[in-house]
């Protein structure tokens, strides 16, 4: 599983920022925060936010270091895990996603 980057807007501050995105179960998921994994050198997502059905498109060459653009702004509460949500679906602490910090993240 390769970690890629998405450019999106914070709904509250209106600021643009990059976040990690993974493909899991054939859906793109935003990963706003990583935690230390069960073994040295691994990371697990604190939460994943489904981008299924959201307007995500491939980034053009003018967006260096970014793979996707997300048109829908997301709230700080959602990104920080302070808001439960079914739309978009948020999964807190998925236990079956473990990535290698050295090989699964694009540099």
PDB file of N, CA and C in Angstrom:
ATOM      1  N   UNK A   1       0.858  -1.167   0.000  1.00  0.00           N
ATOM      2  CA  UNK A   1       0.000   0.000   0.000  1.00  0.00           C
ATOM      3  C   UNK A   1       0.906   1.233   0.000  1.00  0.00           C
ATOM      4  N   UNK A   2       0.727   2.093  -0.980  1.00  0.00           N
ATOM      5  CA  UNK A   2       1.543   3.295  -1.096  1.00  0.00           C
ATOM      6  C   UNK A   2       0.761   4.503  -0.591  1.00  0.00           C
ATOM      7  N   UNK A   3       1.426   5.334   0.168  1.00  0.00           N
ATOM      8  CA  UNK A   3       0.814   6.565   0.669  1.00  0.00           C
ATOM      9  C   UNK A   3       1.060   7.660  -0.354  1.00  0.00           C
ATOM     10  N   UNK A   4      -0.015   8.326  -0.737  1.00  0.00           N
ATOM     11  CA  UNK A   4       0.078   9.432  -1.686  1.00  0.00           C
ATOM     12  C   UNK A   4      -0.425  10.699  -1.018  1.00  0.00           C
ATOM     13  N   UNK A   5      -0.417  11.814  -1.729  1.00  0.00           N
ATOM     14  CA  UNK A   5      -0.781  13.113  -1.159  1.00  0.00           C
ATOM     15  C   UNK A   5      -2.013  13.690  -1.852  1.00  0.00           C
ATOM     16  N   UNK A   6      -2.843  14.355  -1.044  1.00  0.00           N
ATOM     17  CA  UNK A   6      -4.010  15.056  -1.556  1.00  0.00           C
ATOM     18  C   UNK A   6      -3.969  16.487  -1.029  1.00  0.00           C
ATOM     19  N   UNK A   7      -4.332  17.434  -1.873  1.00  0.00           N
ATOM     20  CA  UNK A   7      -4.445  18.835  -1.489  1.00  0.00           C
ATOM     21  C   UNK A   7      -5.911  19.119  -1.214  1.00  0.00           C
ATOM     22  N   UNK A   8      -6.201  19.674  -0.038  1.00  0.00           N
ATOM     23  CA  UNK A   8      -7.583  19.976   0.325  1.00  0.00           C
ATOM     24  C   UNK A   8      -7.649  21.243   1.141  1.00  0.00           C
ATOM     25  N   UNK A   9      -8.875  21.685   1.408  1.00  0.00           N
ATOM     26  CA  UNK A   9      -9.099  22.922   2.145  1.00  0.00           C
ATOM     27  C   UNK A   9      -9.766  22.613   3.479  1.00  0.00           C
ATOM     28  N   UNK A  10      -9.303  23.308   4.517  1.00  0.00           N
ATOM     29  CA  UNK A  10      -9.945  23.237   5.823  1.00  0.00           C
ATOM     30  C   UNK A  10     -11.172  24.140   5.780  1.00  0.00           C
ATOM     31  N   UNK A  11     -12.325  23.573   6.063  1.00  0.00           N
ATOM     32  CA  UNK A  11     -13.595  24.299   5.983  1.00  0.00           C
ATOM     33  C   UNK A  11     -13.646  25.483   6.957  1.00  0.00           C
ATOM     34  N   UNK A  12     -13.011  25.335   8.112  1.00  0.00           N
ATOM     35  CA  UNK A  12     -13.077  26.369   9.140  1.00  0.00           C
ATOM     36  C   UNK A  12     -12.084  27.495   8.912  1.00  0.00           C
ATOM     37  N   UNK A  13     -10.835  27.151   8.648  1.00  0.00           N
ATOM     38  CA  UNK A  13      -9.800  28.177   8.468  1.00  0.00           C
ATOM     39  C   UNK A  13      -9.664  28.617   7.016  1.00  0.00           C
ATOM     40  N   UNK A  14     -10.251  27.856   6.118  1.00  0.00           N
ATOM     41  CA  UNK A  14     -10.166  28.099   4.671  1.00  0.00           C
ATOM     42  C   UNK A  14      -8.741  27.978   4.122  1.00  0.00           C
ATOM     43  N   UNK A  15      -7.861  27.368   4.901  1.00  0.00           N
ATOM     44  CA  UNK A  15      -6.483  27.199   4.452  1.00  0.00           C
ATOM     45  C   UNK A  15      -6.343  25.900   3.661  1.00  0.00           C
ATOM     46  N   UNK A  16      -5.440  25.920   2.702  1.00  0.00           N
ATOM     47  CA  UNK A  16      -5.111  24.739   1.917  1.00  0.00           C
ATOM     48  C   UNK A  16      -3.974  23.993   2.597  1.00  0.00           C
ATOM     49  N   UNK A  17      -4.019  22.677   2.539  1.00  0.00           N
ATOM     50  CA  UNK A  17      -2.935  21.875   3.101  1.00  0.00           C
ATOM     51  C   UNK A  17      -2.908  20.514   2.419  1.00  0.00           C
ATOM     52  N   UNK A  18      -1.777  19.837   2.551  1.00  0.00           N
ATOM     53  CA  UNK A  18      -1.603  18.484   2.021  1.00  0.00           C
ATOM     54  C   UNK A  18      -1.860  17.486   3.129  1.00  0.00           C
ATOM     55  N   UNK A  19      -2.420  16.360   2.759  1.00  0.00           N
ATOM     56  CA  UNK A  19      -2.611  15.268   3.699  1.00  0.00           C
ATOM     57  C   UNK A  19      -2.323  13.963   2.975  1.00  0.00           C
ATOM     58  N   UNK A  20      -2.123  12.925   3.749  1.00  0.00           N
ATOM     59  CA  UNK A  20      -1.876  11.610   3.177  1.00  0.00           C
ATOM     60  C   UNK A  20      -3.184  10.965   2.753  1.00  0.00           C
ATOM     61  N   UNK A  21      -3.091  10.137   1.733  1.00  0.00           N
ATOM     62  CA  UNK A  21      -4.237   9.378   1.248  1.00  0.00           C
ATOM     63  C   UNK A  21      -3.743   7.975   0.875  1.00  0.00           C
ATOM     64  N   UNK A  22      -4.576   6.980   1.183  1.00  0.00           N
ATOM     65  CA  UNK A  22      -4.255   5.592   0.840  1.00  0.00           C
ATOM     66  C   UNK A  22      -5.444   4.993   0.092  1.00  0.00           C
ATOM     67  N   UNK A  23      -5.165   3.940  -0.655  1.00  0.00           N
ATOM     68  CA  UNK A  23      -6.249   3.162  -1.255  1.00  0.00           C
ATOM     69  C   UNK A  23      -6.420   1.916  -0.402  1.00  0.00           C
ATOM     70  N   UNK A  24      -7.641   1.730   0.093  1.00  0.00           N
ATOM     71  CA  UNK A  24      -7.950   0.617   0.984  1.00  0.00           C
ATOM     72  C   UNK A  24      -9.337   0.106   0.604  1.00  0.00           C
ATOM     73  N   UNK A  25      -9.441  -1.173   0.326  1.00  0.00           N
ATOM     74  CA  UNK A  25     -10.695  -1.777  -0.129  1.00  0.00           C
ATOM     75  C   UNK A  25     -11.248  -1.045  -1.351  1.00  0.00           C
ATOM     76  N   UNK A  26     -10.337  -0.712  -2.271  1.00  0.00           N
ATOM     77  CA  UNK A  26     -10.659  -0.082  -3.552  1.00  0.00           C
ATOM     78  C   UNK A  26     -11.278   1.299  -3.415  1.00  0.00           C
ATOM     79  N   UNK A  27     -11.063   1.971  -2.290  1.00  0.00           N
ATOM     80  CA  UNK A  27     -11.566   3.321  -2.037  1.00  0.00           C
ATOM     81  C   UNK A  27     -10.392   4.168  -1.566  1.00  0.00           C
ATOM     82  N   UNK A  28     -10.384   5.446  -1.943  1.00  0.00           N
ATOM     83  CA  UNK A  28      -9.387   6.368  -1.420  1.00  0.00           C
ATOM     84  C   UNK A  28      -9.828   6.839  -0.033  1.00  0.00           C
ATOM     85  N   UNK A  29      -8.872   6.840   0.899  1.00  0.00           N
ATOM     86  CA  UNK A  29      -9.123   7.261   2.280  1.00  0.00           C
ATOM     87  C   UNK A  29      -8.103   8.313   2.680  1.00  0.00           C
ATOM     88  N   UNK A  30      -8.568   9.384   3.258  1.00  0.00           N
ATOM     89  CA  UNK A  30      -7.716  10.412   3.811  1.00  0.00           C
ATOM     90  C   UNK A  30      -7.186   9.930   5.160  1.00  0.00           C
ATOM     91  N   UNK A  31      -5.892  10.131   5.391  1.00  0.00           N
ATOM     92  CA  UNK A  31      -5.279   9.769   6.673  1.00  0.00           C
ATOM     93  C   UNK A  31      -4.675  11.049   7.262  1.00  0.00           C
ATOM     94  N   UNK A  32      -5.442  11.737   8.120  1.00  0.00           N
ATOM     95  CA  UNK A  32      -4.943  13.009   8.649  1.00  0.00           C
ATOM     96  C   UNK A  32      -3.895  12.866   9.762  1.00  0.00           C
ATOM     97  N   UNK A  33      -3.762  11.667  10.329  1.00  0.00           N
ATOM     98  CA  UNK A  33      -2.823  11.499  11.441  1.00  0.00           C
ATOM     99  C   UNK A  33      -2.334  10.053  11.495  1.00  0.00           C
ATOM    100  N   UNK A  34      -1.029   9.895  11.729  1.00  0.00           N
ATOM    101  CA  UNK A  34      -0.410   8.578  11.871  1.00  0.00           C
ATOM    102  C   UNK A  34       0.082   8.392  13.294  1.00  0.00           C
ATOM    103  N   UNK A  35       0.018   7.159  13.774  1.00  0.00           N
ATOM    104  CA  UNK A  35       0.512   6.792  15.095  1.00  0.00           C
ATOM    105  C   UNK A  35       1.581   5.711  14.936  1.00  0.00           C
ATOM    106  N   UNK A  36       2.430   5.556  15.958  1.00  0.00           N
ATOM    107  CA  UNK A  36       3.431   4.485  15.920  1.00  0.00           C
ATOM    108  C   UNK A  36       2.717   3.143  15.850  1.00  0.00           C
ATOM    109  N   UNK A  37       3.251   2.262  15.009  1.00  0.00           N
ATOM    110  CA  UNK A  37       2.659   0.946  14.820  1.00  0.00           C
ATOM    111  C   UNK A  37       3.096  -0.045  15.876  1.00  0.00           C
ATOM    112  N   UNK A  38       2.685  -1.301  15.686  1.00  0.00           N
ATOM    113  CA  UNK A  38       2.975  -2.335  16.681  1.00  0.00           C
ATOM    114  C   UNK A  38       4.447  -2.762  16.725  1.00  0.00           C
ATOM    115  N   UNK A  39       5.176  -2.504  15.648  1.00  0.00           N
ATOM    116  CA  UNK A  39       6.593  -2.853  15.615  1.00  0.00           C
ATOM    117  C   UNK A  39       7.407  -1.638  15.172  1.00  0.00           C
ATOM    118  N   UNK A  40       8.682  -1.662  15.470  1.00  0.00           N
ATOM    119  CA  UNK A  40       9.566  -0.555  15.115  1.00  0.00           C
ATOM    120  C   UNK A  40       9.520  -0.289  13.607  1.00  0.00           C
ATOM    121  N   UNK A  41       9.387   0.978  13.249  1.00  0.00           N
ATOM    122  CA  UNK A  41       9.392   1.361  11.844  1.00  0.00           C
ATOM    123  C   UNK A  41       8.046   1.257  11.155  1.00  0.00           C
ATOM    124  N   UNK A  42       6.990   0.964  11.913  1.00  0.00           N
ATOM    125  CA  UNK A  42       5.658   0.888  11.304  1.00  0.00           C
ATOM    126  C   UNK A  42       4.776   2.018  11.824  1.00  0.00           C
ATOM    127  N   UNK A  43       3.791   2.373  11.015  1.00  0.00           N
ATOM    128  CA  UNK A  43       2.819   3.400  11.363  1.00  0.00           C
ATOM    129  C   UNK A  43       1.415   2.875  11.093  1.00  0.00           C
ATOM    130  N   UNK A  44       0.461   3.339  11.888  1.00  0.00           N
ATOM    131  CA  UNK A  44      -0.950   2.998  11.694  1.00  0.00           C
ATOM    132  C   UNK A  44      -1.752   4.296  11.685  1.00  0.00           C
ATOM    133  N   UNK A  45      -2.835   4.360  10.913  1.00  0.00           N
ATOM    134  CA  UNK A  45      -3.641   5.577  10.915  1.00  0.00           C
ATOM    135  C   UNK A  45      -4.427   5.724  12.221  1.00  0.00           C
ATOM    136  N   UNK A  46      -4.477   6.949  12.715  1.00  0.00           N
ATOM    137  CA  UNK A  46      -5.326   7.226  13.882  1.00  0.00           C
ATOM    138  C   UNK A  46      -6.787   7.119  13.466  1.00  0.00           C
ATOM    139  N   UNK A  47      -7.069   7.544  12.241  1.00  0.00           N
ATOM    140  CA  UNK A  47      -8.405   7.440  11.669  1.00  0.00           C
ATOM    141  C   UNK A  47      -8.268   7.529  10.159  1.00  0.00           C
ATOM    142  N   UNK A  48      -9.254   7.008   9.460  1.00  0.00           N
ATOM    143  CA  UNK A  48      -9.320   7.161   8.009  1.00  0.00           C
ATOM    144  C   UNK A  48     -10.679   7.740   7.656  1.00  0.00           C
ATOM    145  N   UNK A  49     -10.685   8.602   6.647  1.00  0.00           N
ATOM    146  CA  UNK A  49     -11.897   9.288   6.206  1.00  0.00           C
ATOM    147  C   UNK A  49     -12.112   8.947   4.734  1.00  0.00           C
ATOM    148  N   UNK A  50     -13.249   8.349   4.448  1.00  0.00           N
ATOM    149  CA  UNK A  50     -13.538   7.916   3.084  1.00  0.00           C
ATOM    150  C   UNK A  50     -13.721   9.118   2.156  1.00  0.00           C
ATOM    151  N   UNK A  51     -13.089   9.037   0.999  1.00  0.00           N
ATOM    152  CA  UNK A  51     -13.269  10.051  -0.037  1.00  0.00           C
ATOM    153  C   UNK A  51     -14.209   9.558  -1.131  1.00  0.00           C
ATOM    154  N   UNK A  52     -14.833   8.400  -0.888  1.00  0.00           N
ATOM    155  CA  UNK A  52     -15.757   7.810  -1.856  1.00  0.00           C
ATOM    156  C   UNK A  52     -16.920   8.762  -2.107  1.00  0.00           C
ATOM    157  N   UNK A  53     -17.171   9.069  -3.356  1.00  0.00           N
ATOM    158  CA  UNK A  53     -18.272   9.952  -3.721  1.00  0.00           C
ATOM    159  C   UNK A  53     -17.923  11.434  -3.653  1.00  0.00           C
ATOM    160  N   UNK A  54     -16.732  11.763  -3.186  1.00  0.00           N
ATOM    161  CA  UNK A  54     -16.303  13.167  -3.141  1.00  0.00           C
ATOM    162  C   UNK A  54     -15.583  13.513  -4.436  1.00  0.00           C
ATOM    163  N   UNK A  55     -15.582  14.795  -4.785  1.00  0.00           N
ATOM    164  CA  UNK A  55     -14.917  15.208  -6.023  1.00  0.00           C
ATOM    165  C   UNK A  55     -13.396  15.228  -5.887  1.00  0.00           C
ATOM    166  N   UNK A  56     -12.781  14.072  -6.157  1.00  0.00           N
ATOM    167  CA  UNK A  56     -11.325  13.930  -6.126  1.00  0.00           C
ATOM    168  C   UNK A  56     -10.856  13.782  -7.562  1.00  0.00           C
ATOM    169  N   UNK A  57      -9.815  14.528  -7.913  1.00  0.00           N
ATOM    170  CA  UNK A  57      -9.271  14.400  -9.266  1.00  0.00           C
ATOM    171  C   UNK A  57      -7.755  14.386  -9.195  1.00  0.00           C
ATOM    172  N   UNK A  58      -7.151  13.886 -10.235  1.00  0.00           N
ATOM    173  CA  UNK A  58      -5.691  13.840 -10.304  1.00  0.00           C
ATOM    174  C   UNK A  58      -5.146  15.262 -10.354  1.00  0.00           C
ATOM    175  N   UNK A  59      -4.049  15.483  -9.656  1.00  0.00           N
ATOM    176  CA  UNK A  59      -3.406  16.798  -9.651  1.00  0.00           C
ATOM    177  C   UNK A  59      -2.581  16.966 -10.918  1.00  0.00           C
ATOM    178  N   UNK A  60      -2.526  18.175 -11.400  1.00  0.00           N
ATOM    179  CA  UNK A  60      -1.726  18.473 -12.579  1.00  0.00           C
ATOM    180  C   UNK A  60      -0.274  18.742 -12.208  1.00  0.00           C
ATOM    181  N   UNK A  61       0.577  18.947 -13.212  1.00  0.00           N
ATOM    182  CA  UNK A  61       2.009  19.159 -12.960  1.00  0.00           C
ATOM    183  C   UNK A  61       2.303  20.432 -12.161  1.00  0.00           C
ATOM    184  N   UNK A  62       1.379  21.380 -12.145  1.00  0.00           N
ATOM    185  CA  UNK A  62       1.592  22.602 -11.371  1.00  0.00           C
ATOM    186  C   UNK A  62       1.489  22.371  -9.862  1.00  0.00           C
ATOM    187  N   UNK A  63       0.994  21.210  -9.459  1.00  0.00           N
ATOM    188  CA  UNK A  63       0.855  20.862  -8.041  1.00  0.00           C
ATOM    189  C   UNK A  63       1.943  19.854  -7.671  1.00  0.00           C
ATOM    190  N   UNK A  64       3.156  20.334  -7.517  1.00  0.00           N
ATOM    191  CA  UNK A  64       4.299  19.452  -7.198  1.00  0.00           C
ATOM    192  C   UNK A  64       4.098  18.771  -5.844  1.00  0.00           C
ATOM    193  N   UNK A  65       4.385  17.490  -5.824  1.00  0.00           N
ATOM    194  CA  UNK A  65       4.320  16.736  -4.584  1.00  0.00           C
ATOM    195  C   UNK A  65       2.918  16.339  -4.160  1.00  0.00           C
ATOM    196  N   UNK A  66       1.930  16.599  -5.015  1.00  0.00           N
ATOM    197  CA  UNK A  66       0.538  16.258  -4.713  1.00  0.00           C
ATOM    198  C   UNK A  66       0.008  15.358  -5.823  1.00  0.00           C
ATOM    199  N   UNK A  67      -0.681  14.291  -5.430  1.00  0.00           N
ATOM    200  CA  UNK A  67      -1.231  13.348  -6.407  1.00  0.00           C
ATOM    201  C   UNK A  67      -2.682  13.640  -6.761  1.00  0.00           C
ATOM    202  N   UNK A  68      -3.445  14.148  -5.771  1.00  0.00           N
ATOM    203  CA  UNK A  68      -4.873  14.381  -5.953  1.00  0.00           C
ATOM    204  C   UNK A  68      -5.278  15.747  -5.420  1.00  0.00           C
ATOM    205  N   UNK A  69      -6.413  16.227  -5.933  1.00  0.00           N
ATOM    206  CA  UNK A  69      -7.045  17.448  -5.432  1.00  0.00           C
ATOM    207  C   UNK A  69      -8.446  17.085  -4.968  1.00  0.00           C
ATOM    208  N   UNK A  70      -8.814  17.543  -3.777  1.00  0.00           N
ATOM    209  CA  UNK A  70     -10.152  17.320  -3.233  1.00  0.00           C
ATOM    210  C   UNK A  70     -10.867  18.652  -3.200  1.00  0.00           C
ATOM    211  N   UNK A  71     -12.010  18.745  -3.873  1.00  0.00           N
ATOM    212  CA  UNK A  71     -12.749  20.007  -3.969  1.00  0.00           C
ATOM    213  C   UNK A  71     -13.608  20.305  -2.751  1.00  0.00           C
ATOM    214  N   UNK A  72     -13.977  19.291  -1.985  1.00  0.00           N
ATOM    215  CA  UNK A  72     -14.851  19.474  -0.830  1.00  0.00           C
ATOM    216  C   UNK A  72     -14.030  19.851   0.407  1.00  0.00           C
ATOM    217  N   UNK A  73     -14.270  21.025   0.995  1.00  0.00           N
ATOM    218  CA  UNK A  73     -13.574  21.370   2.242  1.00  0.00           C
ATOM    219  C   UNK A  73     -14.049  20.469   3.385  1.00  0.00           C
ATOM    220  N   UNK A  74     -13.139  20.126   4.294  1.00  0.00           N
ATOM    221  CA  UNK A  74     -13.466  19.294   5.445  1.00  0.00           C
ATOM    222  C   UNK A  74     -13.231  20.081   6.734  1.00  0.00           C
ATOM    223  N   UNK A  75     -14.076  19.837   7.725  1.00  0.00           N
ATOM    224  CA  UNK A  75     -13.996  20.591   8.982  1.00  0.00           C
ATOM    225  C   UNK A  75     -12.850  20.099   9.866  1.00  0.00           C
ATOM    226  N   UNK A  76     -12.391  20.989  10.721  1.00  0.00           N
ATOM    227  CA  UNK A  76     -11.350  20.651  11.690  1.00  0.00           C
ATOM    228  C   UNK A  76     -11.825  19.536  12.610  1.00  0.00           C
ATOM    229  N   UNK A  77     -13.074  19.585  13.037  1.00  0.00           N
ATOM    230  CA  UNK A  77     -13.632  18.544  13.907  1.00  0.00           C
ATOM    231  C   UNK A  77     -13.535  17.169  13.271  1.00  0.00           C
ATOM    232  N   UNK A  78     -13.862  17.089  11.994  1.00  0.00           N
ATOM    233  CA  UNK A  78     -13.796  15.812  11.277  1.00  0.00           C
ATOM    234  C   UNK A  78     -12.349  15.345  11.146  1.00  0.00           C
ATOM    235  N   UNK A  79     -11.470  16.240  10.739  1.00  0.00           N
ATOM    236  CA  UNK A  79     -10.064  15.893  10.534  1.00  0.00           C
ATOM    237  C   UNK A  79      -9.377  15.484  11.831  1.00  0.00           C
ATOM    238  N   UNK A  80      -9.745  16.113  12.938  1.00  0.00           N
ATOM    239  CA  UNK A  80      -9.120  15.833  14.233  1.00  0.00           C
ATOM    240  C   UNK A  80      -9.774  14.677  14.980  1.00  0.00           C
ATOM    241  N   UNK A  81     -10.827  14.102  14.427  1.00  0.00           N
ATOM    242  CA  UNK A  81     -11.483  12.972  15.064  1.00  0.00           C
ATOM    243  C   UNK A  81     -12.402  13.358  16.207  1.00  0.00           C
ATOM    244  N   UNK A  82     -12.843  14.610  16.228  1.00  0.00           N
ATOM    245  CA  UNK A  82     -13.749  15.064  17.292  1.00  0.00           C
ATOM    246  C   UNK A  82     -15.216  14.998  16.866  1.00  0.00           C
ATOM    247  N   UNK A  83     -15.461  14.528  15.639  1.00  0.00           N
ATOM    248  CA  UNK A  83     -16.825  14.431  15.127  1.00  0.00           C
ATOM    249  C   UNK A  83     -17.021  13.063  14.496  1.00  0.00           C
ATOM    250  N   UNK A  84     -18.005  12.321  14.990  1.00  0.00           N
ATOM    251  CA  UNK A  84     -18.346  11.051  14.359  1.00  0.00           C
ATOM    252  C   UNK A  84     -19.101  11.359  13.073  1.00  0.00           C
ATOM    253  N   UNK A  85     -18.908  10.530  12.080  1.00  0.00           N
ATOM    254  CA  UNK A  85     -19.553  10.796  10.797  1.00  0.00           C
ATOM    255  C   UNK A  85     -19.768   9.496  10.033  1.00  0.00           C
ATOM    256  N   UNK A  86     -20.901   9.431   9.369  1.00  0.00           N
ATOM    257  CA  UNK A  86     -21.176   8.350   8.429  1.00  0.00           C
ATOM    258  C   UNK A  86     -21.098   8.866   7.000  1.00  0.00           C
ATOM    259  N   UNK A  87     -21.100  10.193   6.846  1.00  0.00           N
ATOM    260  CA  UNK A  87     -21.024  10.795   5.518  1.00  0.00           C
ATOM    261  C   UNK A  87     -20.201  12.072   5.599  1.00  0.00           C
ATOM    262  N   UNK A  88     -18.918  12.024   5.386  1.00  0.00           N
ATOM    263  CA  UNK A  88     -18.173  10.857   4.932  1.00  0.00           C
ATOM    264  C   UNK A  88     -17.933   9.866   6.068  1.00  0.00           C
ATOM    265  N   UNK A  89     -17.757   8.631   5.691  1.00  0.00           N
ATOM    266  CA  UNK A  89     -17.492   7.583   6.665  1.00  0.00           C
ATOM    267  C   UNK A  89     -16.120   7.811   7.292  1.00  0.00           C
ATOM    268  N   UNK A  90     -16.083   7.784   8.631  1.00  0.00           N
ATOM    269  CA  UNK A  90     -14.831   7.901   9.376  1.00  0.00           C
ATOM    270  C   UNK A  90     -14.659   6.624  10.196  1.00  0.00           C
ATOM    271  N   UNK A  91     -13.497   6.003  10.083  1.00  0.00           N
ATOM    272  CA  UNK A  91     -13.183   4.822  10.881  1.00  0.00           C
ATOM    273  C   UNK A  91     -12.046   5.200  11.815  1.00  0.00           C
ATOM    274  N   UNK A  92     -12.314   5.177  13.099  1.00  0.00           N
ATOM    275  CA  UNK A  92     -11.299   5.471  14.104  1.00  0.00           C
ATOM    276  C   UNK A  92     -10.463   4.223  14.369  1.00  0.00           C
ATOM    277  N   UNK A  93      -9.155   4.399  14.393  1.00  0.00           N
ATOM    278  CA  UNK A  93      -8.238   3.321  14.766  1.00  0.00           C
ATOM    279  C   UNK A  93      -8.377   2.026  14.010  1.00  0.00           C
ATOM    280  N   UNK A  94      -8.367   2.058  12.671  1.00  0.00           N
ATOM    281  CA  UNK A  94      -8.446   0.784  11.945  1.00  0.00           C
ATOM    282  C   UNK A  94      -7.242  -0.084  12.307  1.00  0.00           C
ATOM    283  N   UNK A  95      -7.501  -1.302  12.701  1.00  0.00           N
ATOM    284  CA  UNK A  95      -6.435  -2.165  13.223  1.00  0.00           C
ATOM    285  C   UNK A  95      -5.713  -2.981  12.157  1.00  0.00           C
ATOM    286  N   UNK A  96      -6.259  -3.034  10.960  1.00  0.00           N
ATOM    287  CA  UNK A  96      -5.655  -3.897   9.935  1.00  0.00           C
ATOM    288  C   UNK A  96      -4.839  -3.129   8.896  1.00  0.00           C
ATOM    289  N   UNK A  97      -4.529  -1.860   9.163  1.00  0.00           N
ATOM    290  CA  UNK A  97      -3.703  -1.081   8.245  1.00  0.00           C
ATOM    291  C   UNK A  97      -2.400  -0.745   8.973  1.00  0.00           C
ATOM    292  N   UNK A  98      -1.315  -1.373   8.542  1.00  0.00           N
ATOM    293  CA  UNK A  98      -0.001  -1.148   9.136  1.00  0.00           C
ATOM    294  C   UNK A  98       0.970  -0.896   7.990  1.00  0.00           C
ATOM    295  N   UNK A  99       1.618   0.244   8.009  1.00  0.00           N
ATOM    296  CA  UNK A  99       2.537   0.598   6.922  1.00  0.00           C
ATOM    297  C   UNK A  99       3.963   0.707   7.424  1.00  0.00           C
ATOM    298  N   UNK A 100       4.888   0.464   6.518  1.00  0.00           N
ATOM    299  CA  UNK A 100       6.304   0.584   6.798  1.00  0.00           C
ATOM    300  C   UNK A 100       6.710   2.024   6.541  1.00  0.00           C
ATOM    301  N   UNK A 101       7.255   2.683   7.547  1.00  0.00           N
ATOM    302  CA  UNK A 101       7.618   4.094   7.433  1.00  0.00           C
ATOM    303  C   UNK A 101       8.704   4.328   6.389  1.00  0.00           C
ATOM    304  N   UNK A 102       9.553   3.347   6.126  1.00  0.00           N
ATOM    305  CA  UNK A 102      10.662   3.522   5.181  1.00  0.00           C
ATOM    306  C   UNK A 102      10.285   3.261   3.729  1.00  0.00           C
ATOM    307  N   UNK A 103       9.309   2.397   3.481  1.00  0.00           N
ATOM    308  CA  UNK A 103       9.052   1.992   2.098  1.00  0.00           C
ATOM    309  C   UNK A 103       7.681   2.386   1.556  1.00  0.00           C
ATOM    310  N   UNK A 104       6.701   2.636   2.409  1.00  0.00           N
ATOM    311  CA  UNK A 104       5.346   2.880   1.922  1.00  0.00           C
ATOM    312  C   UNK A 104       5.017   4.368   1.720  1.00  0.00           C
ATOM    313  N   UNK A 105       5.904   5.246   2.153  1.00  0.00           N
ATOM    314  CA  UNK A 105       5.661   6.677   2.030  1.00  0.00           C
ATOM    315  C   UNK A 105       6.547   7.258   0.940  1.00  0.00           C
ATOM    316  N   UNK A 106       5.941   8.039   0.060  1.00  0.00           N
ATOM    317  CA  UNK A 106       6.667   8.686  -1.027  1.00  0.00           C
ATOM    318  C   UNK A 106       7.536   9.780  -0.439  1.00  0.00           C
ATOM    319  N   UNK A 107       8.728   9.887  -0.892  1.00  0.00           N
ATOM    320  CA  UNK A 107       9.654  10.912  -0.382  1.00  0.00           C
ATOM    321  C   UNK A 107       9.781  12.047  -1.355  1.00  0.00           C
TER     322      UNK A 107
END
